[in-house]
C-alpha atoms as a PDB file:
ATOM      1  CA  MET A   1      35.186  -5.836  31.346  1.00  0.00           C
ATOM      2  CA  ASN A   2      35.271  -9.007  33.381  1.00  0.00           C
ATOM      3  CA  VAL A   3      35.045  -8.311  37.130  1.00  0.00           C
ATOM      4  CA  ASN A   4      37.412 -10.537  39.102  1.00  0.00           C
ATOM      5  CA  GLU A   5      39.577 -10.522  42.232  1.00  0.00           C
ATOM      6  CA  GLU A   6      42.022  -8.131  40.587  1.00  0.00           C
ATOM      7  CA  ASN A   7      39.545  -5.362  39.734  1.00  0.00           C
ATOM      8  CA  ILE A   8      36.567  -5.782  42.115  1.00  0.00           C
ATOM      9  CA  PHE A   9      38.113  -3.083  44.293  1.00  0.00           C
ATOM     10  CA  TYR A  10      37.497  -0.538  41.514  1.00  0.00           C
ATOM     11  CA  LEU A  11      33.791  -1.359  41.600  1.00  0.00           C
ATOM     12  CA  ASP A  12      33.655  -1.215  45.383  1.00  0.00           C
ATOM     13  CA  ALA A  13      35.662   2.026  45.500  1.00  0.00           C
ATOM     14  CA  SER A  14      33.290   3.673  43.034  1.00  0.00           C
ATOM     15  CA  GLY A  15      30.370   2.688  45.269  1.00  0.00           C
ATOM     16  CA  ALA A  16      32.173   4.140  48.276  1.00  0.00           C
ATOM     17  CA  VAL A  17      32.762   7.409  46.391  1.00  0.00           C
ATOM     18  CA  LEU A  18      29.058   7.550  45.495  1.00  0.00           C
ATOM     19  CA  SER A  19      28.114   6.924  49.139  1.00  0.00           C
ATOM     20  CA  ILE A  20      30.507   9.625  50.335  1.00  0.00           C
ATOM     21  CA  PHE A  21      29.030  12.095  47.853  1.00  0.00           C
ATOM     22  CA  LEU A  22      25.435  11.269  48.800  1.00  0.00           C
ATOM     23  CA  LEU A  23      25.904  10.965  52.568  1.00  0.00           C
ATOM     24  CA  GLY A  24      28.333  13.825  52.961  1.00  0.00           C
ATOM     25  CA  PHE A  25      27.086  16.386  50.461  1.00  0.00           C
ATOM     26  CA  VAL A  26      23.656  15.668  48.965  1.00  0.00           C
ATOM     27  CA  LEU A  27      21.599  14.174  51.802  1.00  0.00           C
ATOM     28  CA  PRO A  28      22.557  16.802  54.418  1.00  0.00           C
ATOM     29  CA  PHE A  29      21.186  19.449  52.044  1.00  0.00           C
ATOM     30  CA  PHE A  30      17.847  17.587  51.900  1.00  0.00           C
ATOM     31  CA  GLN A  31      17.744  16.579  55.558  1.00  0.00           C
ATOM     32  CA  GLY A  32      14.176  17.832  55.941  1.00  0.00           C
ATOM     33  CA  TRP A  33      13.015  15.464  53.226  1.00  0.00           C
ATOM     34  CA  HIS A  34      14.428  12.267  54.690  1.00  0.00           C
ATOM     35  CA  GLY A  35      14.767  13.044  58.401  1.00  0.00           C
ATOM     36  CA  MET A  36      18.077  11.335  59.182  1.00  0.00           C
ATOM     37  CA  PRO A  37      20.066  13.535  61.596  1.00  0.00           C
ATOM     38  CA  PHE A  38      23.186  15.249  60.291  1.00  0.00           C
ATOM     39  CA  HIS A  39      25.552  13.531  62.719  1.00  0.00           C
ATOM     40  CA  THR A  40      24.255  10.130  61.597  1.00  0.00           C
ATOM     41  CA  LEU A  41      24.724  10.994  57.928  1.00  0.00           C
ATOM     42  CA  TYR A  42      28.273  12.113  58.598  1.00  0.00           C
ATOM     43  CA  GLY A  43      28.960   8.953  60.617  1.00  0.00           C
ATOM     44  CA  LEU A  44      27.802   6.806  57.702  1.00  0.00           C
ATOM     45  CA  CYS A  45      29.899   8.992  55.411  1.00  0.00           C
ATOM     46  CA  LEU A  46      32.925   8.321  57.616  1.00  0.00           C
ATOM     47  CA  TRP A  47      32.294   4.569  57.293  1.00  0.00           C
ATOM     48  CA  ALA A  48      32.183   4.968  53.504  1.00  0.00           C
ATOM     49  CA  CYS A  49      35.516   6.846  53.737  1.00  0.00           C
ATOM     50  CA  ILE A  50      37.001   3.906  55.632  1.00  0.00           C
ATOM     51  CA  CYS A  51      35.749   1.537  52.915  1.00  0.00           C
ATOM     52  CA  LEU A  52      37.249   3.778  50.240  1.00  0.00           C
ATOM     53  CA  ALA A  53      40.586   3.905  52.092  1.00  0.00           C
ATOM     54  CA  TYR A  54      40.615   0.095  52.331  1.00  0.00           C
ATOM     55  CA  ASN A  55      39.809  -0.259  48.619  1.00  0.00           C
ATOM     56  CA  LEU A  56      42.508   2.222  47.635  1.00  0.00           C
ATOM     57  CA  SER A  57      45.069   0.515  49.847  1.00  0.00           C
ATOM     58  CA  CYS A  58      44.210  -2.809  48.189  1.00  0.00           C
ATOM     59  CA  LEU A  59      44.475  -1.234  44.739  1.00  0.00           C
ATOM     60  CA  PHE A  60      47.783   0.530  45.294  1.00  0.00           C
ATOM     61  CA  PHE A  61      49.591  -1.552  47.898  1.00  0.00           C
ATOM     62  CA  GLY A  62      47.989  -4.993  48.042  1.00  0.00           C
ATOM     63  CA  ASP A  63      48.406  -8.008  45.848  1.00  0.00           C
ATOM     64  CA  ARG A  64      45.037  -7.922  44.093  1.00  0.00           C
ATOM     65  CA  ARG A  65      45.519 -11.460  42.861  1.00  0.00           C
ATOM     66  CA  ASN A  66      45.466 -12.561  46.509  1.00  0.00           C
ATOM     67  CA  HIS A  67      41.788 -13.287  47.113  1.00  0.00           C
ATOM     68  CA  LYS A  68      42.158 -12.899  50.882  1.00  0.00           C
ATOM     69  CA  TRP A  69      41.955  -9.101  50.513  1.00  0.00           C
ATOM     70  CA  LEU A  70      38.290  -9.516  49.568  1.00  0.00           C
ATOM     71  CA  VAL A  71      37.387 -10.694  53.061  1.00  0.00           C
ATOM     72  CA  GLY A  72      38.122  -7.243  54.516  1.00  0.00           C
ATOM     73  CA  ILE A  73      35.874  -5.339  52.149  1.00  0.00           C
ATOM     74  CA  MET A  74      33.118  -7.942  52.458  1.00  0.00           C
ATOM     75  CA  LEU A  75      33.202  -7.506  56.244  1.00  0.00           C
ATOM     76  CA  LEU A  76      33.249  -3.706  55.989  1.00  0.00           C
ATOM     77  CA  ASN A  77      30.285  -3.692  53.607  1.00  0.00           C
ATOM     78  CA  PHE A  78      28.317  -6.178  55.694  1.00  0.00           C
ATOM     79  CA  ALA A  79      29.025  -4.169  58.843  1.00  0.00           C
ATOM     80  CA  TYR A  80      27.759  -1.044  57.040  1.00  0.00           C
ATOM     81  CA  CYS A  81      24.487  -2.858  56.376  1.00  0.00           C
ATOM     82  CA  ILE A  82      24.126  -3.836  60.030  1.00  0.00           C
ATOM     83  CA  ILE A  83      24.922  -0.288  61.153  1.00  0.00           C
ATOM     84  CA  ASN A  84      22.429   1.050  58.623  1.00  0.00           C
ATOM     85  CA  VAL A  85      19.645  -1.212  59.949  1.00  0.00           C
ATOM     86  CA  VAL A  86      20.409  -0.254  63.560  1.00  0.00           C
ATOM     87  CA  LEU A  87      20.360   3.452  62.685  1.00  0.00           C
ATOM     88  CA  VAL A  88      17.056   3.114  60.846  1.00  0.00           C
ATOM     89  CA  PHE A  89      15.550   1.560  63.982  1.00  0.00           C
ATOM     90  CA  VAL A  90      17.120   4.179  66.268  1.00  0.00           C
ATOM     91  CA  HIS A  91      15.884   7.076  64.129  1.00  0.00           C
ATOM     92  CA  PHE A  92      12.659   5.458  62.935  1.00  0.00           C
ATOM     93  CA  THR A  93      10.448   8.119  64.528  1.00  0.00           C
ATOM     94  CA  VAL A  94      12.183  10.999  62.732  1.00  0.00           C
ATOM     95  CA  LEU A  95      12.635   9.354  59.340  1.00  0.00           C
ATOM     96  CA  THR A  96      10.186  10.233  56.604  1.00  0.00           C
ATOM     97  CA  LYS A  97       8.843   7.683  54.148  1.00  0.00           C
ATOM     98  CA  LEU A  98      11.431   8.902  51.656  1.00  0.00           C
ATOM     99  CA  GLY A  99      14.169   8.446  54.270  1.00  0.00           C
ATOM    100  CA  LEU A 100      12.977   4.934  55.094  1.00  0.00           C
ATOM    101  CA  PHE A 101      12.880   4.117  51.393  1.00  0.00           C
ATOM    102  CA  TYR A 102      16.390   5.433  50.775  1.00  0.00           C
ATOM    103  CA  PHE A 103      18.115   3.762  53.727  1.00  0.00           C
ATOM    104  CA  ILE A 104      16.276   0.460  53.322  1.00  0.00           C
ATOM    105  CA  SER A 105      16.876   0.418  49.555  1.00  0.00           C
ATOM    106  CA  GLU A 106      20.628   0.689  50.186  1.00  0.00           C
ATOM    107  CA  LEU A 107      20.599  -2.730  51.843  1.00  0.00           C
ATOM    108  CA  PRO A 108      19.865  -4.976  48.839  1.00  0.00           C
ATOM    109  CA  VAL A 109      22.377  -3.046  46.737  1.00  0.00           C
ATOM    110  CA  ILE A 110      25.209  -3.413  49.250  1.00  0.00           C
ATOM    111  CA  LEU A 111      24.281  -6.961  50.231  1.00  0.00           C
ATOM    112  CA  GLY A 112      24.190  -7.816  46.531  1.00  0.00           C
ATOM    113  CA  LEU A 113      27.702  -6.435  46.233  1.00  0.00           C
ATOM    114  CA  VAL A 114      28.809  -8.520  49.224  1.00  0.00           C
ATOM    115  CA  LEU A 115      27.350 -11.653  47.637  1.00  0.00           C
ATOM    116  CA  PHE A 116      29.024 -10.798  44.324  1.00  0.00           C
ATOM    117  CA  GLU A 117      32.357 -10.301  46.130  1.00  0.00           C
ATOM    118  CA  ARG A 118      31.809 -13.607  47.920  1.00  0.00           C
ATOM    119  CA  LYS A 119      31.258 -15.331  44.586  1.00  0.00           C
ATOM    120  CA  ILE A 120      34.506 -13.838  43.260  1.00  0.00           C
ATOM    121  CA  TYR A 121      36.280 -14.882  46.473  1.00  0.00           C
ATOM    122  CA  GLN A 122      35.045 -18.476  46.174  1.00  0.00           C
ATOM    123  CA  LYS A 123      36.014 -18.639  42.520  1.00  0.00           C
ATOM    124  CA  ALA A 124      39.498 -17.267  43.269  1.00  0.00           C
ATOM    125  CA  PHE A 125      39.848 -19.584  46.270  1.00  0.00           C
ATOM    126  CA  SER A 126      38.958 -22.662  44.253  1.00  0.00           C
ATOM    127  CA  LYS A 127      41.329 -21.551  41.458  1.00  0.00           C
ATOM    128  CA  ALA A 128      44.141 -21.107  44.009  1.00  0.00           C
ATOM    129  CA  SER A 129      43.386 -24.542  45.505  1.00  0.00           C
ATOM    130  CA  GLU A 130      43.580 -26.177  42.064  1.00  0.00           C
ATOM    131  CA  GLU A 131      46.970 -24.582  41.416  1.00  0.00           C
ATOM    132  CA  LYS A 132      48.488 -26.141  44.529  1.00  0.00           C
END
């Protein structure tokens, strides 16, 4: 399957579902192993829910061929990374090595997704410019 501006939201939504599952259900159960407070996990889970809602609204109500919808999810994902970094610094003293590994290892994955979405956006933008 070729990932493009019409179906990137499926990929992003699946990542949001995975984040919701991990942050809302799995990680709270293992809180002693990673150290991140429950309220912080649930706050990050809420952010993932917002990303999922945006993706679903783009899939069901938006014109997926309109590349401008990608800007919203890129901003949401990038903001999640910034929030994640801030929360790692705020809770650094209570995080275990496993917790630091998990929350820091999320960053390259999500930033990679943002860069991939940016590449799709640029490709769609240049294609739209050529059509005019």
